[in-house]
Amino acid sequence: MKRWILLCLFSQFVSGCSALLPSPITRFEQQTPRPFGYVIGDEIQHRIVIETRQDVKLILDSLPKQGELNRWLNLNRVSVVSDANPGETVVELLYQVFYAPNEVKMLSVPAFTLRFDQAGKTLEKSVPPWHFTLSPLKELAVRKDESGLDYMRPDALPTPLSTRQQWLAVYVGLSLALCISLYLAYLHGLFPVWPKQRIFKRALRELSDHSQQDMGRGLAVVHHAFNVLNDQPLFKHRLQTFYQAHAEYRVAAEQIERFFEFSDKVLFAGKQDVDADDWHNLLELCRVCREIECGRR
């Protein structure tokens, strides 16, 4: 009798000590998304967070295999992150549904069992099935229009983008191009309302029709250009007054004065020995004055 009493006391002592040992799996949490609002082709991600004792390891072969689980459910990705925190394992499963229901239908992700190794012993933990609803892409009874054809409903059109700024940029660019074109036309004397911008242009064109044998005619053409620009006949002793009214021609003062000296010798002193250099100097003076009236000097 005493032996039985001692045996009972020892059994109670042993059972009390075993209750102090921690559970091999201290945390097992299945994190799932909302169980509704899915349509064909949607992906659904599940996460399982597991905390175990240090001597307990997850057997990876017990995880579901990536690929087709049944005729309407695929497992696209399986990933395991161990020791993100000490003793913690995170399992992520990415499912994709390919079921096309005619109405809202309740479906289930199948259950599976995870196995753990503890010092050569195998522990099991079941993951329950997860239920969710799948919605159809269109209504079951398709309406007909007045002609008897299927009632087509296009997607709502997006809000048109404003083109106001783009058109403003176009108008600004066109206005700027017009202003530049007008300015270039003004510089080249293309406006007949500004005849003084074309004086030496006409003189240069007329000189191109003559040669050094027509030196007298060439001198007359250039003199006429200066007279028109000055609004009255221009002589050498009036050049300073001319420069005050047309200061831009001071850059060619040396050539202009040389022209008047040469003109006096030819027209009034009877100079006859005119060579090609003299004709070239006359053309060069006309070209310089043309550049001045165009604003390029």
Protein backbone atom coordinates (compact mmCIF):
# COMPACT_ATOMS: atom_id res chain seq x y z
CA MET A 1 0.00 0.00 0.00
CA LYS A 2 2.79 2.40 0.84
CA ARG A 3 4.43 1.56 -2.48
CA TRP A 4 1.28 2.63 -4.35
CA ILE A 5 1.06 5.85 -2.41
CA LEU A 6 4.70 6.69 -3.19
CA LEU A 7 4.14 5.86 -6.87
CA CYS A 8 1.14 8.24 -7.07
CA LEU A 9 3.08 11.01 -5.38
CA PHE A 10 5.98 10.53 -7.81
CA SER A 11 3.64 10.60 -10.79
CA GLN A 12 2.06 13.85 -9.62
CA PHE A 13 5.55 15.33 -9.08
CA VAL A 14 6.68 14.34 -12.58
CA SER A 15 3.49 15.66 -14.19
CA GLY A 16 3.90 18.96 -12.33
CA CYS A 17 7.46 19.34 -13.60
CA SER A 18 6.47 18.56 -17.18
CA ALA A 19 3.91 21.38 -17.10
CA LEU A 20 6.76 23.82 -16.59
CA LEU A 21 8.35 22.95 -19.97
CA PRO A 22 7.46 25.50 -22.73
CA SER A 23 5.46 24.43 -25.79
CA PRO A 24 7.60 23.61 -28.85
CA ILE A 25 5.52 26.09 -30.92
CA THR A 26 4.96 29.27 -28.94
CA ARG A 27 3.26 31.26 -31.71
CA PHE A 28 1.40 30.19 -34.82
CA GLU A 29 -0.43 33.04 -36.59
CA GLN A 30 -2.09 32.85 -40.01
CA GLN A 31 -2.37 36.35 -41.51
CA THR A 32 -4.88 36.50 -44.35
CA PRO A 33 -6.42 39.37 -46.36
CA ARG A 34 -10.10 40.23 -46.77
CA PRO A 35 -12.22 37.17 -47.70
CA PHE A 36 -14.31 38.90 -50.43
CA GLY A 37 -14.10 41.12 -53.51
CA TYR A 38 -11.94 38.91 -55.76
CA VAL A 39 -12.36 38.15 -59.47
CA ILE A 40 -10.66 35.78 -61.88
CA GLY A 41 -6.91 36.36 -62.13
CA ASP A 42 -6.51 38.06 -58.73
CA GLU A 43 -3.57 37.15 -56.51
CA ILE A 44 -4.08 36.46 -52.81
CA GLN A 45 -1.20 36.57 -50.37
CA HIS A 46 -1.12 34.57 -47.15
CA ARG A 47 1.46 34.87 -44.40
CA ILE A 48 2.15 32.47 -41.56
CA VAL A 49 4.24 33.67 -38.63
CA ILE A 50 5.73 30.91 -36.49
CA GLU A 51 7.76 31.16 -33.28
CA THR A 52 9.33 28.01 -31.89
CA ARG A 53 11.94 26.92 -29.40
CA GLN A 54 15.53 26.94 -30.57
CA ASP A 55 15.63 23.19 -31.04
CA VAL A 56 12.51 23.10 -33.23
CA LYS A 57 13.00 23.53 -37.01
CA LEU A 58 10.45 23.76 -39.81
CA ILE A 59 10.65 20.92 -42.36
CA LEU A 60 10.55 22.76 -45.68
CA ASP A 61 9.29 19.69 -47.56
CA SER A 62 6.02 20.03 -45.68
CA LEU A 63 5.24 23.35 -47.40
CA PRO A 64 2.81 23.32 -50.34
CA LYS A 65 4.58 22.90 -53.66
CA GLN A 66 4.63 25.79 -56.08
CA GLY A 67 2.42 25.23 -59.10
CA GLU A 68 -1.13 24.12 -59.84
CA LEU A 69 -3.05 23.07 -56.71
CA ASN A 70 -6.31 22.28 -58.50
CA ARG A 71 -8.09 23.23 -61.72
CA TRP A 72 -8.76 26.82 -60.61
CA LEU A 73 -6.03 27.62 -58.04
CA ASN A 74 -2.29 28.12 -58.51
CA LEU A 75 0.43 28.70 -55.96
CA ASN A 76 2.71 31.21 -57.69
CA ARG A 77 5.32 31.75 -54.99
CA VAL A 78 6.48 30.18 -51.74
CA SER A 79 9.06 32.03 -49.64
CA VAL A 80 10.44 31.32 -46.18
CA VAL A 81 12.30 33.87 -44.06
CA SER A 82 13.93 32.37 -40.98
CA ASP A 83 15.40 34.23 -38.02
CA ALA A 84 13.96 37.59 -39.02
CA ASN A 85 13.61 37.78 -35.25
CA PRO A 86 15.22 35.20 -32.95
CA GLY A 87 13.20 31.99 -33.13
CA GLU A 88 10.75 33.41 -35.73
CA THR A 89 9.94 31.98 -39.17
CA VAL A 90 7.74 33.76 -41.73
CA VAL A 91 6.14 31.79 -44.56
CA GLU A 92 4.61 33.74 -47.45
CA LEU A 93 2.29 32.06 -49.97
CA LEU A 94 1.01 33.82 -53.11
CA TYR A 95 -2.10 32.20 -54.60
CA GLN A 96 -3.84 33.09 -57.89
CA VAL A 97 -7.41 32.14 -58.78
CA PHE A 98 -8.60 31.21 -62.29
CA TYR A 99 -12.24 30.46 -61.60
CA ALA A 100 -14.89 32.30 -63.63
CA PRO A 101 -18.17 32.06 -61.66
CA ASN A 102 -21.55 33.09 -63.05
CA GLU A 103 -22.48 34.49 -59.67
CA VAL A 104 -20.77 35.22 -56.37
CA LYS A 105 -19.31 31.92 -55.21
CA MET A 106 -17.68 30.72 -52.00
CA LEU A 107 -14.33 28.98 -52.55
CA SER A 108 -11.64 27.65 -50.24
CA VAL A 109 -7.87 27.60 -50.26
CA PRO A 110 -7.10 23.99 -49.23
CA ALA A 111 -5.69 23.16 -45.84
CA PHE A 112 -2.27 21.64 -45.36
CA THR A 113 -0.08 20.41 -42.51
CA LEU A 114 3.30 21.77 -41.53
CA ARG A 115 5.84 19.44 -39.93
CA PHE A 116 8.60 20.38 -37.49
CA ASP A 117 11.68 18.52 -36.39
CA GLN A 118 12.54 18.42 -32.67
CA ALA A 119 15.59 16.35 -31.83
CA GLY A 120 14.65 13.66 -34.35
CA LYS A 121 10.96 13.72 -33.47
CA THR A 122 8.32 15.10 -35.86
CA LEU A 123 5.71 17.59 -34.74
CA GLU A 124 2.72 18.57 -36.89
CA LYS A 125 0.66 21.76 -37.07
CA SER A 126 -2.31 21.98 -39.39
CA VAL A 127 -3.18 25.12 -41.37
CA PRO A 128 -6.97 25.27 -41.75
CA PRO A 129 -8.69 26.00 -45.10
CA TRP A 130 -9.39 29.65 -45.89
CA HIS A 131 -12.76 30.56 -47.32
CA PHE A 132 -13.36 33.53 -49.59
CA THR A 133 -15.86 34.72 -52.19
CA LEU A 134 -15.21 35.19 -55.92
CA SER A 135 -17.33 37.54 -58.02
CA PRO A 136 -18.18 37.28 -61.75
CA LEU A 137 -16.80 39.74 -64.24
CA LYS A 138 -20.22 40.39 -65.78
CA GLU A 139 -23.84 39.77 -64.92
CA LEU A 140 -25.37 36.40 -65.72
CA ALA A 141 -28.29 37.71 -67.76
CA VAL A 142 -26.93 40.02 -70.44
CA ARG A 143 -29.37 42.77 -71.39
CA LYS A 144 -30.33 43.40 -74.99
CA ASP A 145 -30.68 46.76 -76.66
CA GLU A 146 -33.59 47.83 -78.84
CA SER A 147 -32.13 46.10 -81.91
CA GLY A 148 -31.80 42.78 -80.07
CA LEU A 149 -28.02 42.88 -79.86
CA ASP A 150 -26.00 42.54 -76.68
CA TYR A 151 -26.14 45.64 -74.54
CA MET A 152 -22.62 47.03 -74.74
CA ARG A 153 -21.37 49.27 -71.97
CA PRO A 154 -18.04 50.94 -72.68
CA ASP A 155 -15.69 51.99 -69.94
CA ALA A 156 -15.98 55.53 -68.68
CA LEU A 157 -13.79 57.85 -70.69
CA PRO A 158 -10.87 59.42 -68.83
CA THR A 159 -10.89 63.11 -68.16
CA PRO A 160 -9.27 64.86 -71.15
CA LEU A 161 -5.96 66.51 -70.43
CA SER A 162 -5.94 70.25 -70.71
CA THR A 163 -4.13 71.52 -73.82
CA ARG A 164 -4.30 75.14 -72.79
CA GLN A 165 -0.64 75.37 -71.84
CA GLN A 166 0.47 73.55 -75.00
CA TRP A 167 -1.51 75.91 -77.22
CA LEU A 168 -0.17 78.88 -75.29
CA ALA A 169 3.37 77.65 -75.99
CA VAL A 170 2.49 77.29 -79.70
CA TYR A 171 1.13 80.83 -79.86
CA VAL A 172 4.17 82.22 -78.07
CA GLY A 173 6.50 80.34 -80.41
CA LEU A 174 4.65 81.55 -83.52
CA SER A 175 4.63 85.12 -82.24
CA LEU A 176 8.35 84.97 -81.51
CA ALA A 177 9.08 83.52 -84.97
CA LEU A 178 6.99 86.27 -86.60
CA CYS A 179 8.83 88.98 -84.68
CA ILE A 180 12.21 87.52 -85.64
CA SER A 181 11.15 87.28 -89.29
CA LEU A 182 9.97 90.89 -89.32
CA TYR A 183 13.19 92.03 -87.69
CA LEU A 184 15.33 90.17 -90.23
CA ALA A 185 13.22 91.62 -93.07
CA TYR A 186 13.73 95.07 -91.57
CA LEU A 187 17.50 94.57 -91.39
CA HIS A 188 17.63 93.46 -95.02
CA GLY A 189 15.49 96.37 -96.21
CA LEU A 190 12.61 94.27 -97.50
CA PHE A 191 9.95 96.76 -96.46
CA PRO A 192 9.27 99.42 -99.11
CA VAL A 193 7.92 101.75 -96.42
CA TRP A 194 11.50 102.04 -95.17
CA PRO A 195 13.34 102.98 -98.35
CA LYS A 196 16.46 104.11 -96.49
CA GLN A 197 17.08 100.50 -95.54
CA ARG A 198 17.48 99.64 -99.24
CA ILE A 199 19.56 102.52 -100.55
CA PHE A 200 22.91 100.80 -100.72
CA LYS A 201 21.27 97.51 -101.60
CA ARG A 202 20.03 99.07 -104.85
CA ALA A 203 23.39 100.81 -105.36
CA LEU A 204 25.29 97.56 -104.91
CA ARG A 205 22.97 95.79 -107.36
CA GLU A 206 23.48 98.55 -109.94
CA LEU A 207 27.29 98.48 -109.52
CA SER A 208 27.29 94.75 -110.19
CA ASP A 209 26.03 95.52 -113.71
CA HIS A 210 29.10 97.70 -114.49
CA SER A 211 32.88 97.36 -114.52
CA GLN A 212 35.91 99.59 -113.92
CA GLN A 213 35.52 101.03 -117.43
CA ASP A 214 32.30 102.65 -116.13
CA MET A 215 34.01 104.28 -113.15
CA GLY A 216 32.20 107.58 -113.73
CA ARG A 217 28.83 105.83 -113.63
CA GLY A 218 29.85 103.88 -110.55
CA LEU A 219 30.87 107.03 -108.69
CA ALA A 220 27.57 108.67 -109.62
CA VAL A 221 25.63 105.67 -108.24
CA VAL A 222 27.40 105.84 -104.86
CA HIS A 223 27.05 109.65 -104.71
CA HIS A 224 23.34 109.27 -105.37
CA ALA A 225 23.05 106.76 -102.53
CA PHE A 226 24.71 109.16 -100.07
CA ASN A 227 22.51 112.04 -101.30
CA VAL A 228 19.32 110.03 -100.77
CA LEU A 229 20.48 108.97 -97.32
CA ASN A 230 21.37 112.57 -96.43
CA ASP A 231 18.10 113.94 -97.91
CA GLN A 232 20.23 116.49 -99.79
CA PRO A 233 23.48 116.55 -101.78
CA LEU A 234 26.43 115.46 -99.65
CA PHE A 235 29.90 116.95 -100.10
CA LYS A 236 33.15 116.20 -98.37
CA HIS A 237 33.11 119.36 -96.21
CA ARG A 238 29.66 118.34 -94.88
CA LEU A 239 30.71 114.88 -93.71
CA GLN A 240 30.88 115.83 -90.01
CA THR A 241 27.29 117.02 -90.16
CA PHE A 242 26.40 113.78 -91.94
CA TYR A 243 28.06 111.73 -89.16
CA GLN A 244 26.07 113.63 -86.52
CA ALA A 245 22.81 112.65 -88.23
CA HIS A 246 23.97 109.12 -89.10
CA ALA A 247 26.45 108.15 -86.39
CA GLU A 248 26.44 104.49 -87.45
CA TYR A 249 28.47 105.40 -90.56
CA ARG A 250 31.42 106.64 -88.51
CA VAL A 251 32.87 103.11 -88.59
CA ALA A 252 33.43 103.60 -92.33
CA ALA A 253 34.59 107.25 -92.08
CA GLU A 254 38.04 106.51 -93.51
CA GLN A 255 36.61 104.70 -96.56
CA ILE A 256 33.97 107.39 -97.12
CA GLU A 257 36.52 110.22 -97.01
CA ARG A 258 38.83 108.30 -99.34
CA PHE A 259 35.86 107.85 -101.70
CA PHE A 260 35.17 111.59 -101.83
CA GLU A 261 38.86 112.36 -102.44
CA PHE A 262 39.01 109.80 -105.24
CA SER A 263 35.75 111.11 -106.71
CA ASP A 264 37.11 114.67 -106.81
CA LYS A 265 40.21 113.49 -108.68
CA VAL A 266 38.21 111.53 -111.26
CA LEU A 267 35.24 113.83 -111.80
CA PHE A 268 36.86 117.22 -111.37
CA ALA A 269 40.65 116.79 -111.72
CA GLY A 270 40.46 114.53 -114.77
CA LYS A 271 42.23 111.50 -113.29
CA GLN A 272 42.43 108.84 -116.03
CA ASP A 273 44.63 106.07 -114.60
CA VAL A 274 41.87 104.03 -112.94
CA ASP A 275 42.75 100.42 -112.13
CA ALA A 276 40.99 97.35 -110.77
CA ASP A 277 41.90 98.24 -107.17
CA ASP A 278 39.97 101.49 -107.42
CA TRP A 279 36.87 99.66 -108.63
CA HIS A 280 37.29 97.06 -105.88
CA ASN A 281 37.50 99.84 -103.24
CA LEU A 282 34.28 101.36 -104.59
CA LEU A 283 32.48 98.02 -104.37
CA GLU A 284 33.86 97.38 -100.89
CA LEU A 285 32.61 100.79 -99.68
CA CYS A 286 29.16 100.02 -101.04
CA ARG A 287 29.18 96.61 -99.32
CA VAL A 288 30.24 98.16 -95.99
CA CYS A 289 27.49 100.79 -96.21
CA ARG A 290 25.02 98.02 -97.03
CA GLU A 291 26.01 96.14 -93.88
CA ILE A 292 25.68 99.34 -91.84
CA GLU A 293 22.14 100.05 -93.09
CA CYS A 294 21.21 96.43 -92.30
CA GLY A 295 22.54 96.76 -88.73
CA ARG A 296 25.30 94.19 -89.14
CA ARG A 297 27.98 96.74 -88.26
